[in-house]
Amino acid sequence: MPKLKTILKNLGPGLLFASMAIGTSHLVLSTKAGAQYGWVMVIPIILANILKYPFFEFGVRYTNVTNKTLIEGYLRRGKGYLWFYVVITLLTTFTILAALYTVTAGLFINLFDITSSSIAMVALWLFLIISALLIFGKYKFLEISLKFVVSILFIALLVTTILVLTKGPVNHVADFKPSPIFNDMGILFLIGLMGWMPTTVEASSWVSLWSIEKWKNQEKPSLKESLQEFNLGYAITAVLALFFMTIGWFTLYGTNTELSNNAVSFADQVVRLFTEHIGTWAYLFIAISAFATMFSTCMTAHDALTRVSLDILTLLKPKSSLFTTKLAYGIGVIVLTIINFIVIAAFSANMGNLVALATFVSFIVAPIIGYMNLKNVTSTDLEPHYWPGKSLRLLTYAGIIFLTCFSFFYFYLIIF
């Protein structure tokens, strides 16, 4: 019990990681994985979660031991490291957040049958609500609210998965042919799935920043306690990915149903097909699961990208205290709202292409950022006894090699 109490007390960064990760990679990509390819998608989902684990763990490790953010560690390795991360962050800022709000707006329109408003207008209201929650509620509100949201989400998804398993898989249509995985379309989908499973590797710095913020209001936990808390959040993330994959597999695989890339159409398909398979009475569980997933992801990603942007600006302008004030955080939240609303209004018709570009880049840079994180935690910033163990370092190299080889294989398919 004392151990459980300690984990609950330190619950925060790992929980926010779980909340942020279970958005597009889970609701959209995991569901599509099960729907299009069936049970075999268990393998890449589990593989991605295992091989990417060290990349995220190093963010917790580095920050706990050094009291510095992972981004500051990049600068200490050299300005080239920091500028590389800046470029990736810019791409994330202009695509990922807009995509998340677009999918969430699409879900909202369908769940509440709002036909009089466009996706851009609903997204604007979501931007305003979440911005107000972040600015006035700050980190404390974010952490407390997500404890309830993630708990409700986990229960709703567990119930939905049990209902799906009890009902059994949907009957295959007569002319059903399994989708090939190792062709151009299959490889492209795998790259998107593994690029964002459990989430993008550059988000390792987000956990680092959340840790710094949490420790402002309480005594810093030991490295062991911080890792226990993060591991709990990571485990929740992996389990929920399998829940979504199972739901897609049991309700859609074998029906020749093609899931739309349009946010509104996709939301409508998911909710309708789930309820048709399980029963209309299960609508509440599905609706809560889907909307809570995306709303919490929008909130955590918006907060994280604001903190990352301010941290980068602070490191680039070390003599200025302008970016470390409470006002700066509020302005940062609003600036991201304006930028991403413009992106949605201007490119909503091509949002699928923007997301595809972002997931592709995330997959390609994952081994590079993984290596950068390894350099941080095996540097002189940490005493050697705080470095990751031999097995964790071997897993890191395995992840870097696997993701690199997979990237080269993808380039080979495109060229030849």
Protein backbone atom coordinates (compact mmCIF):
# COMPACT_ATOMS: atom_id res chain seq x y z
CA MET A 1 0.00 0.00 0.00
CA PRO A 2 2.76 2.54 0.77
CA LYS A 3 4.14 1.96 -2.74
CA LEU A 4 0.69 2.55 -4.28
CA LYS A 5 0.24 5.73 -2.23
CA THR A 6 3.62 6.98 -3.44
CA ILE A 7 2.71 6.33 -7.08
CA LEU A 8 -0.65 8.09 -6.67
CA LYS A 9 1.06 11.05 -4.99
CA ASN A 10 3.56 11.37 -7.84
CA LEU A 11 0.93 10.76 -10.51
CA GLY A 12 1.17 13.53 -13.08
CA PRO A 13 3.73 13.51 -15.93
CA GLY A 14 3.10 9.85 -16.77
CA LEU A 15 -0.65 10.42 -16.64
CA LEU A 16 -0.38 13.43 -18.95
CA PHE A 17 1.76 11.33 -21.28
CA ALA A 18 -0.96 8.67 -21.41
CA SER A 19 -3.66 11.27 -22.01
CA MET A 20 -1.68 12.91 -24.80
CA ALA A 21 -0.67 9.63 -26.45
CA ILE A 22 -4.12 8.06 -26.71
CA GLY A 23 -5.35 10.49 -29.34
CA THR A 24 -4.85 10.04 -33.06
CA SER A 25 -2.45 7.11 -32.73
CA HIS A 26 -5.08 5.16 -30.78
CA LEU A 27 -8.57 6.29 -31.79
CA VAL A 28 -7.72 6.66 -35.48
CA LEU A 29 -4.64 4.56 -36.29
CA SER A 30 -5.12 1.65 -33.85
CA THR A 31 -8.78 1.33 -34.81
CA LYS A 32 -7.88 1.41 -38.50
CA ALA A 33 -5.12 -1.15 -37.92
CA GLY A 34 -7.57 -3.68 -36.51
CA ALA A 35 -10.26 -2.80 -39.06
CA GLN A 36 -8.03 -3.16 -42.13
CA TYR A 37 -5.49 -5.82 -41.14
CA GLY A 38 -6.96 -7.74 -38.19
CA TRP A 39 -5.17 -9.36 -35.27
CA VAL A 40 -1.73 -9.28 -36.94
CA MET A 41 -1.53 -5.57 -36.04
CA VAL A 42 -0.93 -6.62 -32.43
CA ILE A 43 2.69 -7.23 -33.46
CA PRO A 44 3.66 -3.72 -34.71
CA ILE A 45 1.71 -2.06 -31.87
CA ILE A 46 3.52 -4.04 -29.17
CA LEU A 47 6.83 -3.76 -31.04
CA ALA A 48 6.56 0.04 -31.31
CA ASN A 49 5.71 0.40 -27.61
CA ILE A 50 8.65 -1.78 -26.56
CA LEU A 51 11.27 -0.37 -28.94
CA LYS A 52 10.36 3.26 -28.26
CA TYR A 53 10.15 2.89 -24.48
CA PRO A 54 13.78 3.88 -23.76
CA PHE A 55 13.43 7.07 -25.84
CA PHE A 56 10.68 8.33 -23.50
CA GLU A 57 12.14 6.88 -20.31
CA PHE A 58 15.32 8.88 -20.86
CA GLY A 59 13.32 12.12 -20.66
CA VAL A 60 12.16 11.22 -17.14
CA ARG A 61 15.60 9.96 -16.12
CA TYR A 62 17.54 13.00 -17.37
CA THR A 63 15.23 15.57 -15.80
CA ASN A 64 14.94 13.82 -12.44
CA VAL A 65 18.70 13.54 -12.01
CA THR A 66 19.80 16.90 -13.47
CA ASN A 67 16.76 19.16 -12.77
CA LYS A 68 17.11 20.29 -16.38
CA THR A 69 14.73 19.77 -19.27
CA LEU A 70 15.61 17.35 -22.03
CA ILE A 71 15.69 20.30 -24.44
CA GLU A 72 18.34 22.00 -22.31
CA GLY A 73 20.27 18.75 -22.55
CA TYR A 74 20.17 19.01 -26.35
CA LEU A 75 21.74 22.47 -26.15
CA ARG A 76 24.46 21.16 -23.84
CA ARG A 77 25.28 18.52 -26.47
CA GLY A 78 25.60 21.25 -29.10
CA LYS A 79 23.52 23.92 -30.85
CA GLY A 80 22.99 21.57 -33.80
CA TYR A 81 20.99 19.24 -31.54
CA LEU A 82 18.77 22.08 -30.39
CA TRP A 83 18.15 23.49 -33.88
CA PHE A 84 17.26 20.05 -35.18
CA TYR A 85 14.65 19.77 -32.45
CA VAL A 86 13.41 23.29 -33.24
CA VAL A 87 12.68 22.30 -36.86
CA ILE A 88 10.76 19.19 -35.76
CA THR A 89 8.81 21.23 -33.20
CA LEU A 90 7.82 23.78 -35.84
CA LEU A 91 6.42 21.02 -38.03
CA THR A 92 4.52 19.60 -35.05
CA THR A 93 3.16 23.00 -34.08
CA PHE A 94 1.72 23.69 -37.53
CA THR A 95 0.25 20.23 -38.18
CA ILE A 96 -0.33 17.97 -35.19
CA LEU A 97 -2.33 20.36 -33.02
CA ALA A 98 -4.53 21.41 -35.95
CA ALA A 99 -5.11 17.76 -36.84
CA LEU A 100 -6.07 16.86 -33.26
CA TYR A 101 -8.58 19.69 -32.99
CA THR A 102 -10.02 18.82 -36.42
CA VAL A 103 -10.69 15.19 -35.43
CA THR A 104 -12.13 16.31 -32.09
CA ALA A 105 -14.41 18.83 -33.81
CA GLY A 106 -15.58 16.10 -36.18
CA LEU A 107 -16.43 13.85 -33.25
CA PHE A 108 -18.31 16.65 -31.49
CA ILE A 109 -20.39 17.43 -34.58
CA ASN A 110 -21.49 13.80 -34.90
CA LEU A 111 -22.02 13.03 -31.23
CA PHE A 112 -24.28 16.04 -30.76
CA ASP A 113 -25.69 16.05 -34.31
CA ILE A 114 -24.64 19.64 -35.00
CA THR A 115 -25.26 20.22 -38.70
CA SER A 116 -25.35 24.01 -38.69
CA SER A 117 -21.66 24.56 -37.80
CA SER A 118 -18.51 23.87 -39.77
CA ILE A 119 -15.52 21.96 -38.43
CA ALA A 120 -13.53 25.21 -38.31
CA MET A 121 -16.17 26.91 -36.14
CA VAL A 122 -16.49 23.98 -33.72
CA ALA A 123 -12.68 23.76 -33.57
CA LEU A 124 -12.58 27.47 -32.70
CA TRP A 125 -14.91 26.90 -29.73
CA LEU A 126 -12.77 23.97 -28.60
CA PHE A 127 -9.67 26.15 -28.90
CA LEU A 128 -11.30 28.85 -26.76
CA ILE A 129 -12.55 26.43 -24.08
CA ILE A 130 -9.27 24.55 -23.78
CA SER A 131 -7.21 27.77 -23.87
CA ALA A 132 -9.28 29.17 -20.99
CA LEU A 133 -8.88 25.93 -19.00
CA LEU A 134 -5.10 25.97 -19.50
CA ILE A 135 -4.59 29.68 -18.79
CA PHE A 136 -6.76 29.90 -15.68
CA GLY A 137 -6.46 26.34 -14.43
CA LYS A 138 -2.72 25.99 -15.10
CA TYR A 139 -0.84 22.71 -14.60
CA LYS A 140 -2.62 21.79 -11.37
CA PHE A 141 -6.05 21.81 -13.01
CA LEU A 142 -4.70 19.91 -16.01
CA GLU A 143 -3.33 17.16 -13.78
CA ILE A 144 -6.41 16.87 -11.54
CA SER A 145 -8.91 16.92 -14.39
CA LEU A 146 -7.01 14.31 -16.38
CA LYS A 147 -7.01 11.92 -13.43
CA PHE A 148 -10.80 11.82 -13.83
CA VAL A 149 -10.79 11.89 -17.63
CA VAL A 150 -8.26 9.06 -18.03
CA SER A 151 -10.03 6.98 -15.36
CA ILE A 152 -13.42 7.40 -17.09
CA LEU A 153 -11.81 6.76 -20.46
CA PHE A 154 -10.11 3.56 -19.31
CA ILE A 155 -13.34 2.22 -17.77
CA ALA A 156 -15.45 3.15 -20.81
CA LEU A 157 -12.95 1.53 -23.19
CA LEU A 158 -12.65 -1.56 -21.01
CA VAL A 159 -16.44 -1.98 -20.98
CA THR A 160 -16.61 -1.37 -24.76
CA THR A 161 -13.85 -3.93 -25.41
CA ILE A 162 -15.54 -6.53 -23.19
CA LEU A 163 -18.84 -5.95 -25.01
CA VAL A 164 -17.09 -6.36 -28.35
CA LEU A 165 -15.33 -9.57 -27.25
CA THR A 166 -18.57 -10.95 -25.83
CA LYS A 167 -20.42 -10.22 -29.06
CA GLY A 168 -17.66 -11.83 -31.11
CA PRO A 169 -16.10 -10.77 -34.42
CA VAL A 170 -18.33 -9.51 -37.21
CA ASN A 171 -19.12 -11.95 -40.02
CA HIS A 172 -16.90 -11.57 -43.06
CA VAL A 173 -18.52 -10.65 -46.36
CA ALA A 174 -18.40 -13.30 -49.10
CA ASP A 175 -15.83 -11.57 -51.31
CA PHE A 176 -13.55 -10.42 -48.48
CA LYS A 177 -9.82 -10.46 -49.18
CA PRO A 178 -7.33 -9.46 -46.44
CA SER A 179 -5.42 -6.26 -47.18
CA PRO A 180 -1.75 -6.93 -47.98
CA ILE A 181 0.61 -5.37 -45.45
CA PHE A 182 3.89 -5.38 -47.34
CA ASN A 183 2.89 -3.30 -50.33
CA ASP A 184 3.16 0.48 -50.79
CA MET A 185 -0.11 1.23 -48.99
CA GLY A 186 0.57 -1.25 -46.20
CA ILE A 187 4.08 0.04 -45.53
CA LEU A 188 2.84 3.62 -45.55
CA PHE A 189 0.19 2.72 -42.99
CA LEU A 190 2.73 0.89 -40.81
CA ILE A 191 4.97 3.95 -40.86
CA GLY A 192 2.08 6.14 -39.74
CA LEU A 193 1.08 3.65 -37.04
CA MET A 194 4.57 3.07 -35.67
CA GLY A 195 5.55 6.71 -36.12
CA TRP A 196 2.80 7.75 -33.72
CA MET A 197 2.71 4.66 -31.50
CA PRO A 198 2.51 5.32 -28.61
CA THR A 199 3.21 8.89 -29.78
CA THR A 200 5.88 10.89 -31.55
CA VAL A 201 9.36 10.49 -30.04
CA GLU A 202 9.90 14.25 -29.85
CA ALA A 203 7.20 14.20 -27.14
CA SER A 204 9.83 12.75 -24.79
CA SER A 205 10.72 16.35 -23.93
CA TRP A 206 7.08 17.05 -23.05
CA VAL A 207 7.24 14.60 -20.14
CA SER A 208 10.45 16.31 -19.07
CA LEU A 209 8.75 19.72 -18.94
CA TRP A 210 5.69 18.38 -17.09
CA SER A 211 8.01 16.87 -14.48
CA ILE A 212 9.72 20.23 -13.89
CA GLU A 213 6.33 21.93 -13.52
CA LYS A 214 4.96 19.34 -11.07
CA TRP A 215 7.99 19.54 -8.82
CA LYS A 216 7.44 23.26 -8.32
CA ASN A 217 4.53 22.40 -6.04
CA GLN A 218 5.84 19.32 -4.24
CA GLU A 219 9.01 17.60 -3.13
CA LYS A 220 10.82 16.00 -6.03
CA PRO A 221 10.46 12.20 -6.00
CA SER A 222 13.41 9.85 -6.31
CA LEU A 223 14.43 8.55 -9.72
CA LYS A 224 12.87 5.19 -8.92
CA GLU A 225 9.56 6.81 -7.94
CA SER A 226 9.51 9.01 -11.06
CA LEU A 227 10.11 6.00 -13.28
CA GLN A 228 7.38 4.00 -11.51
CA GLU A 229 4.88 6.79 -12.16
CA PHE A 230 5.90 7.11 -15.80
CA ASN A 231 5.84 3.34 -16.33
CA LEU A 232 2.24 3.24 -15.09
CA GLY A 233 1.22 5.90 -17.63
CA TYR A 234 3.16 4.12 -20.38
CA ALA A 235 1.51 0.79 -19.57
CA ILE A 236 -1.96 2.41 -19.70
CA THR A 237 -1.06 3.84 -23.11
CA ALA A 238 -0.03 0.45 -24.50
CA VAL A 239 -3.10 -1.36 -23.13
CA LEU A 240 -5.51 1.24 -24.54
CA ALA A 241 -3.87 0.91 -27.97
CA LEU A 242 -4.68 -2.81 -27.88
CA PHE A 243 -8.25 -2.02 -26.77
CA PHE A 244 -8.81 0.24 -29.78
CA MET A 245 -7.16 -2.27 -32.13
CA THR A 246 -9.39 -5.07 -30.80
CA ILE A 247 -12.51 -2.94 -31.23
CA GLY A 248 -11.58 -2.18 -34.85
CA TRP A 249 -10.73 -5.83 -35.52
CA PHE A 250 -13.93 -7.30 -34.08
CA THR A 251 -16.33 -4.71 -35.51
CA LEU A 252 -14.90 -3.86 -38.94
CA TYR A 253 -12.34 -6.42 -40.15
CA GLY A 254 -13.79 -8.53 -42.93
CA THR A 255 -16.59 -6.12 -43.86
CA ASN A 256 -14.72 -4.37 -46.70
CA THR A 257 -15.58 -1.08 -45.01
CA GLU A 258 -13.21 1.68 -46.04
CA LEU A 259 -12.66 4.20 -43.25
CA SER A 260 -12.66 7.81 -44.38
CA ASN A 261 -9.74 10.22 -43.96
CA ASN A 262 -12.23 13.03 -43.36
CA ALA A 263 -12.62 13.84 -39.65
CA VAL A 264 -16.42 14.13 -39.66
CA SER A 265 -16.98 11.07 -41.85
CA PHE A 266 -14.52 9.00 -39.81
CA ALA A 267 -16.22 9.95 -36.53
CA ASP A 268 -19.62 9.09 -38.00
CA GLN A 269 -18.39 5.72 -39.29
CA VAL A 270 -16.76 4.71 -36.03
CA VAL A 271 -19.75 5.55 -33.82
CA ARG A 272 -22.34 4.05 -36.20
CA LEU A 273 -20.45 0.84 -36.89
CA PHE A 274 -19.70 0.25 -33.22
CA THR A 275 -23.33 0.72 -32.22
CA GLU A 276 -24.61 -1.41 -35.11
CA HIS A 277 -22.35 -4.27 -34.03
CA ILE A 278 -22.87 -4.03 -30.27
CA GLY A 279 -26.27 -2.36 -30.03
CA THR A 280 -27.55 1.21 -29.85
CA TRP A 281 -27.64 0.99 -26.06
CA ALA A 282 -23.79 0.93 -26.08
CA TYR A 283 -23.66 4.36 -27.74
CA LEU A 284 -22.91 6.12 -24.45
CA PHE A 285 -19.74 4.09 -23.80
CA ILE A 286 -18.49 4.61 -27.34
CA ALA A 287 -19.29 8.32 -27.36
CA ILE A 288 -17.54 8.92 -24.02
CA SER A 289 -14.50 6.90 -25.08
CA ALA A 290 -14.05 8.66 -28.41
CA PHE A 291 -14.65 12.25 -27.31
CA ALA A 292 -12.78 11.98 -23.98
CA THR A 293 -9.83 10.51 -25.87
CA MET A 294 -9.52 13.40 -28.28
CA PHE A 295 -10.47 16.22 -25.90
CA SER A 296 -7.85 15.20 -23.34
CA THR A 297 -5.26 14.78 -26.10
CA CYS A 298 -5.96 18.28 -27.42
CA MET A 299 -5.59 19.74 -23.93
CA THR A 300 -2.30 18.00 -23.11
CA ALA A 301 -0.76 18.58 -26.55
CA HIS A 302 -1.73 22.28 -26.47
CA ASP A 303 -0.14 22.65 -23.03
CA ALA A 304 2.99 20.71 -23.99
CA LEU A 305 3.65 22.58 -27.24
CA THR A 306 3.27 25.89 -25.41
CA ARG A 307 5.83 24.82 -22.79
CA VAL A 308 8.22 23.43 -25.42
CA SER A 309 8.05 26.66 -27.45
CA LEU A 310 8.75 28.81 -24.39
CA ASP A 311 11.59 26.53 -23.26
CA ILE A 312 13.22 26.76 -26.69
CA LEU A 313 12.87 30.55 -26.77
CA THR A 314 14.36 30.78 -23.26
CA LEU A 315 17.38 28.75 -24.35
CA LEU A 316 17.83 30.79 -27.53
CA LYS A 317 17.52 34.08 -25.58
CA PRO A 318 19.13 33.21 -22.21
CA LYS A 319 19.54 36.85 -21.16
CA SER A 320 15.82 37.54 -21.46
CA SER A 321 13.35 36.65 -18.70
CA LEU A 322 10.39 37.43 -20.96
CA PHE A 323 9.61 33.79 -21.77
CA THR A 324 9.62 32.48 -18.20
CA THR A 325 6.72 34.55 -16.84
CA LYS A 326 3.16 33.36 -16.21
CA LEU A 327 1.97 35.91 -18.76
CA ALA A 328 4.24 34.32 -21.37
CA TYR A 329 2.48 30.97 -20.92
CA GLY A 330 -0.94 32.55 -21.46
CA ILE A 331 0.27 34.41 -24.55
CA GLY A 332 1.84 31.18 -25.85
CA VAL A 333 -1.45 29.29 -25.49
CA ILE A 334 -3.31 32.04 -27.38
CA VAL A 335 -0.67 32.27 -30.15
CA LEU A 336 -0.91 28.52 -30.75
CA THR A 337 -4.70 28.84 -30.86
CA ILE A 338 -4.53 31.54 -33.54
CA ILE A 339 -1.90 29.75 -35.65
CA ASN A 340 -3.64 26.39 -35.63
CA PHE A 341 -7.09 27.85 -36.23
CA ILE A 342 -5.69 29.53 -39.36
CA VAL A 343 -4.22 26.18 -40.45
CA ILE A 344 -7.60 24.47 -39.95
CA ALA A 345 -9.50 27.21 -41.78
CA ALA A 346 -7.06 27.24 -44.68
CA PHE A 347 -6.14 23.56 -45.03
CA SER A 348 -9.03 21.57 -43.50
CA ALA A 349 -9.70 19.86 -46.84
CA ASN A 350 -6.09 18.63 -46.93
CA MET A 351 -5.75 17.79 -43.23
CA GLY A 352 -5.29 14.12 -44.04
CA ASN A 353 -2.24 14.97 -46.15
CA LEU A 354 -0.84 17.21 -43.40
CA VAL A 355 -1.23 14.44 -40.83
CA ALA A 356 0.40 11.95 -43.21
CA LEU A 357 3.36 14.31 -43.65
CA ALA A 358 3.69 14.80 -39.88
CA THR A 359 3.52 11.06 -39.10
CA PHE A 360 6.04 10.32 -41.85
CA VAL A 361 8.52 12.89 -40.50
CA SER A 362 7.95 11.62 -36.93
CA PHE A 363 8.82 8.11 -38.03
CA ILE A 364 11.94 9.19 -39.93
CA VAL A 365 13.35 11.33 -37.10
CA ALA A 366 12.44 8.88 -34.30
CA PRO A 367 15.82 7.05 -34.31
CA ILE A 368 17.67 10.38 -34.44
CA ILE A 369 15.85 11.80 -31.43
CA GLY A 370 16.24 8.44 -29.69
CA TYR A 371 20.01 8.75 -30.19
CA MET A 372 19.95 12.36 -28.95
CA ASN A 373 18.16 11.25 -25.78
CA LEU A 374 20.68 8.45 -25.25
CA LYS A 375 23.52 10.98 -25.58
CA ASN A 376 21.86 13.08 -22.88
CA VAL A 377 21.52 10.28 -20.31
CA THR A 378 25.04 8.92 -20.90
CA SER A 379 26.72 12.32 -20.70
CA THR A 380 28.72 13.91 -17.91
CA ASP A 381 25.51 15.68 -16.83
CA LEU A 382 24.71 12.49 -14.89
CA GLU A 383 26.84 10.43 -12.55
CA PRO A 384 27.55 7.06 -14.24
CA HIS A 385 25.46 5.13 -11.69
CA TYR A 386 22.39 7.06 -12.94
CA TRP A 387 22.99 6.00 -16.53
CA PRO A 388 20.55 3.45 -18.00
CA GLY A 389 21.53 -0.17 -17.51
CA LYS A 390 23.09 -2.34 -20.18
CA SER A 391 19.80 -4.02 -21.13
CA LEU A 392 18.03 -0.68 -21.56
CA ARG A 393 20.88 0.64 -23.72
CA LEU A 394 20.76 -2.51 -25.86
CA LEU A 395 17.01 -2.02 -26.28
CA THR A 396 17.71 1.57 -27.32
CA TYR A 397 20.15 0.47 -30.02
CA ALA A 398 17.68 -2.20 -31.17
CA GLY A 399 14.98 0.47 -31.50
CA ILE A 400 17.29 2.83 -33.40
CA ILE A 401 18.44 0.08 -35.79
CA PHE A 402 14.93 -1.26 -36.39
CA LEU A 403 13.36 2.12 -37.07
CA THR A 404 16.28 3.15 -39.29
CA CYS A 405 16.12 -0.05 -41.35
CA PHE A 406 12.35 0.28 -41.69
CA SER A 407 12.81 3.84 -42.96
CA PHE A 408 15.35 2.71 -45.56
CA PHE A 409 12.95 -0.06 -46.63
CA TYR A 410 10.24 2.55 -47.15
CA PHE A 411 12.57 4.71 -49.28
CA TYR A 412 13.47 1.59 -51.30
CA LEU A 413 9.78 0.96 -52.07
CA ILE A 414 9.30 4.56 -53.21
CA ILE A 415 12.40 4.66 -55.43
CA PHE A 416 12.14 1.18 -56.97
